Amino acid sequence: MSHWAPPFYSLTLTPEDKIRIHQEIFELVYHGNGFTHDEVYSMPIFLRYFYLRLLIKQKESEAKQLKEEDSDYSPRPKPVARPF
């Protein structure tokens, strides 16, 4: 693919579509651990959605695990200092 060829195959994108696409690109590059901007930008749409769904599923699983760990943890109450 030429560096200057649009990866969206002449689709007409609204400004909202462009923002959404760049948000998706950011999420995959920032949280995807290994993707570059150019890789994600030129990635076929079905693959980008596939990796986004995997990333969301992983983050939800991590959040659930953290919540379960927090609920299992019960710290001992600190003794209350009482004046004599």
N, C-alpha and C. Protein backbone atom coordinates (compact mmCIF):
# COMPACT_ATOMS: atom_id res chain seq x y z
N MET A 1 0.85 -1.17 0.00
CA MET A 1 0.00 0.00 0.00
C MET A 1 0.90 1.23 0.00
N SER A 2 0.57 2.16 -0.80
CA SER A 2 1.31 3.42 -0.85
C SER A 2 1.15 4.16 0.46
N HIS A 3 2.19 4.87 0.86
CA HIS A 3 2.14 5.64 2.09
C HIS A 3 1.03 6.69 2.05
N TRP A 4 0.71 7.19 0.88
CA TRP A 4 -0.28 8.26 0.75
C TRP A 4 -1.67 7.75 0.41
N ALA A 5 -1.83 6.45 0.16
CA ALA A 5 -3.14 5.92 -0.18
C ALA A 5 -3.99 5.81 1.08
N PRO A 6 -5.22 6.28 1.02
CA PRO A 6 -6.07 6.18 2.21
C PRO A 6 -6.40 4.72 2.51
N PRO A 7 -6.27 4.30 3.74
CA PRO A 7 -6.55 2.90 4.06
C PRO A 7 -8.03 2.56 4.12
N PHE A 8 -8.90 3.53 3.93
CA PHE A 8 -10.33 3.29 4.06
C PHE A 8 -11.01 3.18 2.69
N TYR A 9 -10.22 3.00 1.65
CA TYR A 9 -10.72 2.65 0.32
C TYR A 9 -11.80 3.61 -0.17
N SER A 10 -11.50 4.87 -0.10
CA SER A 10 -12.34 5.94 -0.63
C SER A 10 -13.69 6.06 0.07
N LEU A 11 -13.79 5.57 1.30
CA LEU A 11 -15.02 5.77 2.07
C LEU A 11 -15.09 7.23 2.49
N THR A 12 -16.28 7.75 2.51
CA THR A 12 -16.46 9.12 2.98
C THR A 12 -16.68 9.05 4.48
N LEU A 13 -15.77 9.65 5.22
CA LEU A 13 -15.84 9.60 6.67
C LEU A 13 -16.31 10.94 7.21
N THR A 14 -17.21 10.86 8.18
CA THR A 14 -17.66 12.06 8.86
C THR A 14 -16.60 12.45 9.89
N PRO A 15 -16.63 13.67 10.37
CA PRO A 15 -15.69 14.05 11.43
C PRO A 15 -15.80 13.14 12.66
N GLU A 16 -17.01 12.71 13.00
CA GLU A 16 -17.19 11.80 14.13
C GLU A 16 -16.53 10.46 13.88
N ASP A 17 -16.62 9.97 12.62
CA ASP A 17 -15.96 8.71 12.27
C ASP A 17 -14.45 8.83 12.42
N LYS A 18 -13.91 9.96 11.99
CA LYS A 18 -12.46 10.16 12.08
C LYS A 18 -12.01 10.18 13.53
N ILE A 19 -12.78 10.82 14.39
CA ILE A 19 -12.44 10.85 15.82
C ILE A 19 -12.49 9.45 16.40
N ARG A 20 -13.54 8.70 16.08
CA ARG A 20 -13.68 7.33 16.60
C ARG A 20 -12.53 6.45 16.13
N ILE A 21 -12.17 6.57 14.87
CA ILE A 21 -11.07 5.76 14.32
C ILE A 21 -9.77 6.08 15.04
N HIS A 22 -9.50 7.35 15.26
CA HIS A 22 -8.25 7.72 15.92
C HIS A 22 -8.27 7.37 17.41
N GLN A 23 -9.45 7.35 18.02
CA GLN A 23 -9.55 6.87 19.40
C GLN A 23 -9.23 5.38 19.46
N GLU A 24 -9.74 4.62 18.50
CA GLU A 24 -9.44 3.19 18.43
C GLU A 24 -7.95 2.96 18.21
N ILE A 25 -7.36 3.73 17.32
CA ILE A 25 -5.93 3.61 17.06
C ILE A 25 -5.14 3.90 18.33
N PHE A 26 -5.51 4.97 19.03
CA PHE A 26 -4.82 5.32 20.27
C PHE A 26 -4.92 4.19 21.28
N GLU A 27 -6.13 3.65 21.48
CA GLU A 27 -6.32 2.59 22.48
C GLU A 27 -5.46 1.38 22.16
N LEU A 28 -5.41 0.97 20.90
CA LEU A 28 -4.61 -0.20 20.54
C LEU A 28 -3.12 0.07 20.67
N VAL A 29 -2.68 1.25 20.31
CA VAL A 29 -1.25 1.57 20.40
C VAL A 29 -0.85 1.73 21.86
N TYR A 30 -1.65 2.44 22.64
CA TYR A 30 -1.31 2.74 24.03
C TYR A 30 -1.42 1.51 24.93
N HIS A 31 -2.51 0.76 24.78
CA HIS A 31 -2.76 -0.38 25.66
C HIS A 31 -2.43 -1.72 25.02
N GLY A 32 -2.20 -1.74 23.71
CA GLY A 32 -2.01 -2.99 23.00
C GLY A 32 -0.63 -3.60 23.11
N ASN A 33 0.31 -2.89 23.69
CA ASN A 33 1.65 -3.43 23.93
C ASN A 33 2.28 -4.08 22.70
N GLY A 34 2.66 -3.27 21.76
CA GLY A 34 3.39 -3.80 20.61
C GLY A 34 2.95 -3.26 19.27
N PHE A 35 1.75 -2.70 19.19
CA PHE A 35 1.31 -2.14 17.93
C PHE A 35 1.88 -0.75 17.75
N THR A 36 2.20 -0.41 16.52
CA THR A 36 2.59 0.97 16.20
C THR A 36 1.40 1.67 15.56
N HIS A 37 1.47 2.99 15.52
CA HIS A 37 0.39 3.77 14.91
C HIS A 37 0.20 3.36 13.46
N ASP A 38 1.27 3.25 12.69
CA ASP A 38 1.14 2.91 11.28
C ASP A 38 0.55 1.52 11.07
N GLU A 39 0.91 0.57 11.93
CA GLU A 39 0.35 -0.78 11.81
C GLU A 39 -1.16 -0.76 12.03
N VAL A 40 -1.59 -0.08 13.07
CA VAL A 40 -3.02 -0.05 13.39
C VAL A 40 -3.78 0.76 12.35
N TYR A 41 -3.20 1.87 11.91
CA TYR A 41 -3.87 2.73 10.93
C TYR A 41 -4.13 2.00 9.62
N SER A 42 -3.18 1.17 9.20
CA SER A 42 -3.34 0.47 7.93
C SER A 42 -3.90 -0.94 8.09
N MET A 43 -4.23 -1.32 9.33
CA MET A 43 -4.78 -2.64 9.61
C MET A 43 -6.19 -2.76 9.03
N PRO A 44 -6.53 -3.91 8.47
CA PRO A 44 -7.91 -4.10 8.01
C PRO A 44 -8.88 -3.89 9.18
N ILE A 45 -10.03 -3.34 8.87
CA ILE A 45 -11.00 -2.96 9.89
C ILE A 45 -11.40 -4.16 10.75
N PHE A 46 -11.63 -5.32 10.12
CA PHE A 46 -12.07 -6.48 10.90
C PHE A 46 -11.00 -6.91 11.90
N LEU A 47 -9.71 -6.75 11.57
CA LEU A 47 -8.64 -7.09 12.50
C LEU A 47 -8.55 -6.07 13.63
N ARG A 48 -8.73 -4.80 13.29
CA ARG A 48 -8.69 -3.77 14.33
C ARG A 48 -9.81 -4.00 15.35
N TYR A 49 -11.01 -4.32 14.87
CA TYR A 49 -12.12 -4.62 15.78
C TYR A 49 -11.85 -5.88 16.59
N PHE A 50 -11.24 -6.88 15.95
CA PHE A 50 -10.90 -8.12 16.65
C PHE A 50 -9.97 -7.82 17.82
N TYR A 51 -8.90 -7.06 17.58
CA TYR A 51 -7.95 -6.73 18.64
C TYR A 51 -8.57 -5.81 19.70
N LEU A 52 -9.44 -4.91 19.29
CA LEU A 52 -10.12 -4.06 20.26
C LEU A 52 -11.01 -4.88 21.18
N ARG A 53 -11.76 -5.82 20.62
CA ARG A 53 -12.61 -6.69 21.44
C ARG A 53 -11.76 -7.51 22.41
N LEU A 54 -10.62 -8.04 21.95
CA LEU A 54 -9.74 -8.79 22.84
C LEU A 54 -9.21 -7.90 23.96
N LEU A 55 -8.83 -6.69 23.62
CA LEU A 55 -8.30 -5.76 24.61
C LEU A 55 -9.38 -5.42 25.66
N ILE A 56 -10.59 -5.15 25.21
CA ILE A 56 -11.69 -4.84 26.12
C ILE A 56 -11.98 -6.03 27.03
N LYS A 57 -12.02 -7.22 26.44
CA LYS A 57 -12.27 -8.42 27.22
C LYS A 57 -11.18 -8.62 28.29
N GLN A 58 -9.93 -8.40 27.92
CA GLN A 58 -8.82 -8.55 28.85
C GLN A 58 -8.91 -7.54 29.99
N LYS A 59 -9.19 -6.29 29.65
CA LYS A 59 -9.29 -5.25 30.68
C LYS A 59 -10.47 -5.50 31.62
N GLU A 60 -11.60 -5.98 31.09
CA GLU A 60 -12.74 -6.31 31.94
C GLU A 60 -12.39 -7.46 32.88
N SER A 61 -11.67 -8.46 32.36
CA SER A 61 -11.24 -9.58 33.18
C SER A 61 -10.31 -9.13 34.30
N GLU A 62 -9.38 -8.24 33.98
CA GLU A 62 -8.45 -7.71 34.98
C GLU A 62 -9.21 -6.92 36.05
N ALA A 63 -10.17 -6.11 35.62
CA ALA A 63 -10.95 -5.32 36.57
C ALA A 63 -11.77 -6.23 37.50
N LYS A 64 -12.35 -7.28 36.95
CA LYS A 64 -13.12 -8.22 37.75
C LYS A 64 -12.22 -8.91 38.76
N GLN A 65 -11.03 -9.31 38.33
CA GLN A 65 -10.09 -9.99 39.21
C GLN A 65 -9.66 -9.05 40.35
N LEU A 66 -9.38 -7.79 40.02
CA LEU A 66 -9.00 -6.83 41.06
C LEU A 66 -10.13 -6.61 42.06
N LYS A 67 -11.35 -6.53 41.55
CA LYS A 67 -12.50 -6.33 42.43
C LYS A 67 -12.67 -7.52 43.37
N GLU A 68 -12.49 -8.74 42.86
CA GLU A 68 -12.59 -9.92 43.69
C GLU A 68 -11.49 -9.95 44.75
N GLU A 69 -10.29 -9.56 44.35
CA GLU A 69 -9.19 -9.52 45.31
C GLU A 69 -9.44 -8.48 46.39
N ASP A 70 -9.99 -7.33 46.01
CA ASP A 70 -10.30 -6.29 46.98
C ASP A 70 -11.38 -6.75 47.96
N SER A 71 -12.37 -7.48 47.46
CA SER A 71 -13.45 -7.93 48.35
C SER A 71 -12.97 -9.04 49.28
N ASP A 72 -11.97 -9.81 48.87
CA ASP A 72 -11.42 -10.86 49.73
C ASP A 72 -10.53 -10.30 50.82
N TYR A 73 -9.98 -9.14 50.61
CA TYR A 73 -9.06 -8.53 51.56
C TYR A 73 -9.84 -7.80 52.62
N SER A 74 -9.63 -8.21 53.86
CA SER A 74 -10.30 -7.52 54.97
C SER A 74 -9.23 -7.13 55.98
N PRO A 75 -8.83 -5.89 55.96
CA PRO A 75 -7.78 -5.46 56.89
C PRO A 75 -8.29 -5.48 58.33
N ARG A 76 -7.34 -5.72 59.24
CA ARG A 76 -7.71 -5.66 60.66
C ARG A 76 -7.99 -4.22 61.03
N PRO A 77 -9.02 -4.00 61.80
CA PRO A 77 -9.29 -2.62 62.20
C PRO A 77 -8.18 -2.11 63.13
N LYS A 78 -7.83 -0.86 62.94
CA LYS A 78 -6.81 -0.26 63.78
C LYS A 78 -7.40 0.01 65.16
N PRO A 79 -6.59 -0.23 66.18
CA PRO A 79 -7.13 0.06 67.52
C PRO A 79 -7.37 1.56 67.68
N VAL A 80 -8.43 1.87 68.36
CA VAL A 80 -8.79 3.25 68.59
C VAL A 80 -8.03 3.75 69.81
N ALA A 81 -7.34 4.86 69.67
CA ALA A 81 -6.62 5.44 70.81
C ALA A 81 -7.63 6.12 71.71
N ARG A 82 -7.66 5.68 72.94
CA ARG A 82 -8.62 6.25 73.88
C ARG A 82 -7.86 7.05 74.94
N PRO A 83 -8.34 8.22 75.22
CA PRO A 83 -7.68 9.00 76.27
C PRO A 83 -7.97 8.39 77.65
N PHE A 84 -7.03 8.52 78.54
CA PHE A 84 -7.20 7.96 79.90
C PHE A 84 -8.07 8.83 80.74
